[in-house]
Amino acid sequence: MNLVQALGEQLGKDKVFVGEEILAKYLSDASLLPPTVPVALVRPTSTSDVSATLRLCNAERWPIVIQGGLTGLVGGAHPRCDEIAIAMDRMSKIEEIDIVNRTMTVQAGATLEQVQRAAAQAGLFYGVDLGARGTCTIGGNVATNAGGVQVLRYGMTRQQVAGIEAVLADGTIVNSMSKVLKNNTGYDWPQLVTGSEGTLAVITRVCLRLMPTPKPVLAALCAAGSVENALVVCRRLQETFDGNLVTYEGMWRSYMEAGEHWGLLTAPFGSAPTVTLLIEAALGLDGDARALFESTLFEMLEEGLLHDALIAQSEADRRRFWQYREANYEYYRHAPKEFHYDVGIPLDRLATYVETIEASASRTLPQGRLIVYGHLGDGNLHIAAYPADPAQDIAPFEMALYSAVQDCGGSISAEHGIGIKKIDQLAYSRSAAELALMRAIKHAIDPYDILNRGRVLTANA
C-alpha cells in the first residue's frame, strides 16, 4: 500500500487530493517561485487528522510542507514535487474567547482578520496587524513570528502567544494551552515553536493573549529632514504619549519618488523630505487628546526636528495617509522585476546602513531603482530593488546588502523568516555555534527531517 493510499484510507478520501484535484492556489505561495504540484495535498479538519498524517509520513521518511495562508515571501510554504502538502485552511474555528483571562483559543487556520474581528466583538483587542490580515493565518503568524505595523506598541506575535497545541514529526500531540501569565515550569517549548517556520512541529491550535480595546488613534503624515531627527521624534512621542505610540512608519525619499514616478502617489509636501513619517497614537479623539497630539508635533516643528506635518481631521484623512504607506503593494506592477528584502537594523545604525546600500545600488544596479521604507520605530526596513535590465545579476547587490547587515549587527530577516530563499544568507546573522545548536534541536525533534525540509536549515544538515 503506498503512502497516498494509506492517507486516504486513514483520513478519508475527501481530505486527500492528488494531481488535477489540487487547486492552483495550493501550488505556490507569495514567494514568486514557480507553481509546483506536490505528491498529494492533505486538508485535515482536526488535530487527530494532522497526527495521523505525520505518523504515516514519518514512518515512510516522507517530507511534508505546511501551508497556512500562503502569504509568505521566502518560500516557506511553497511545495516541492516530492512533498506532501498539509493545508490548514479547514481548521479555522475560533473556539473560545475568555473575557476574564483575556485570551482567545483558535485553530491554526483562522485568519488574522477573523481573530481581530472576534476580539473586537467581545470588547477586546488583538495587537498584531499586517497587510495580509484577510489571508494570513494565525498558525502561519505564530510559525513565522509575524510582526507588522503595530510592533512598536504591542510587540511581535511571540508576545501574544499564551499557549500552543502542536503535532511533532512522529505524530505525537503536545499541548500547552495554559492561560496563566506566569509559568516557570521548565523549557518554554511553545516559544521555541514560535518562529520555527514549521520545522519543529505543525501548530494546530493557539491560545492568544488579548488586551483592552485601545482608545481611537490620531494620525499624522510628517516630513523629517534626516533619519537621526526622525528617531529623536520617535523617542519624544513615546515619552510624551506614555507608551501609546502605535504606528511609526518611515518612507524614504526614494520610496516617495518611485510612487510619484509611477503615478501611484502625489507629493504630500512642497519639497521631498529625507523621510516621510506615518504616525499614529492611541490617545482618543477628545479635545484634550487632540491638543496634546497637535502641540507635541508643533513643538518639534519649531525645533526643526520636523519640516512639515499634516494631521488627519477625519477617518478619510487617516485612510488617505495609509495609502502612501501601502502603495508599495502596487509598485511591482510598474517595474520589470522586483527583488524584496526585509532586514532588522539597530536604530543607531539605520542612517549609515541606508547610505551604504544606496551607494552599493549605484555601483551594482546602474540605472536601476532602489526604494527603502518600513517600520522605522523598531528598525525593520523593507528594501526593494528594481534593476533596469531584468536579466541583470542581482548577486553583487545582495552580497553588499547582507554584508552591511552583518557589519552593523543586524538581522537578514526581521519578520519574513528564512524559508527556502534565505538559507544561504543565514550565516550573516547567526554564528556557527548558533547554527549548530539549531541543527541539534531540529535533529532531536525531527530526526528524519520530514517537517518543512530544506527550510531555515539545509536539508539533512
Foldseek 3Di string as FASTA:
>chain_A
DDLQVVLCVVQNVVFKAADPRDDQVQQAAQQPDDGEGARMEGEDQDLLSVLVSLQSCLVVLAFEAEDALRHFRFALRHDHHRYYYYYDQNQADFDDQDPVLQKTKGWFNHFQVNVQVVQVVVQWGDQADADCRVRGTNQQQQQQQFHHFQCLQQNTQLSFFPWFWWAFNNSDIDTDADSDPDDDDDDPVSSVNGNNSFLQTRTTMTMTHIGHDFADKWKKKFAFQALVLLQVLLVLCCVLLVSQWGGKKKWALLLQVLCVVQVQDDDPDPDRHRIIIITMGRQHDDPVSVVSVVVSVVVCCVVRSTVDMDIDPDVVSSVVVVSSVPVVVCSCVVAPDKDKFKKAFPLVCVRVLVVQLVVQCCVQQPPKGKTWITRNNRRIIMIMIGHNDPPRDCVSSVVSNLLSCLVRQMGRHDRSAFFQRNLVSRCSNDPPVRVVVVVVSSCVRSVSSNTSANTNYHHPD
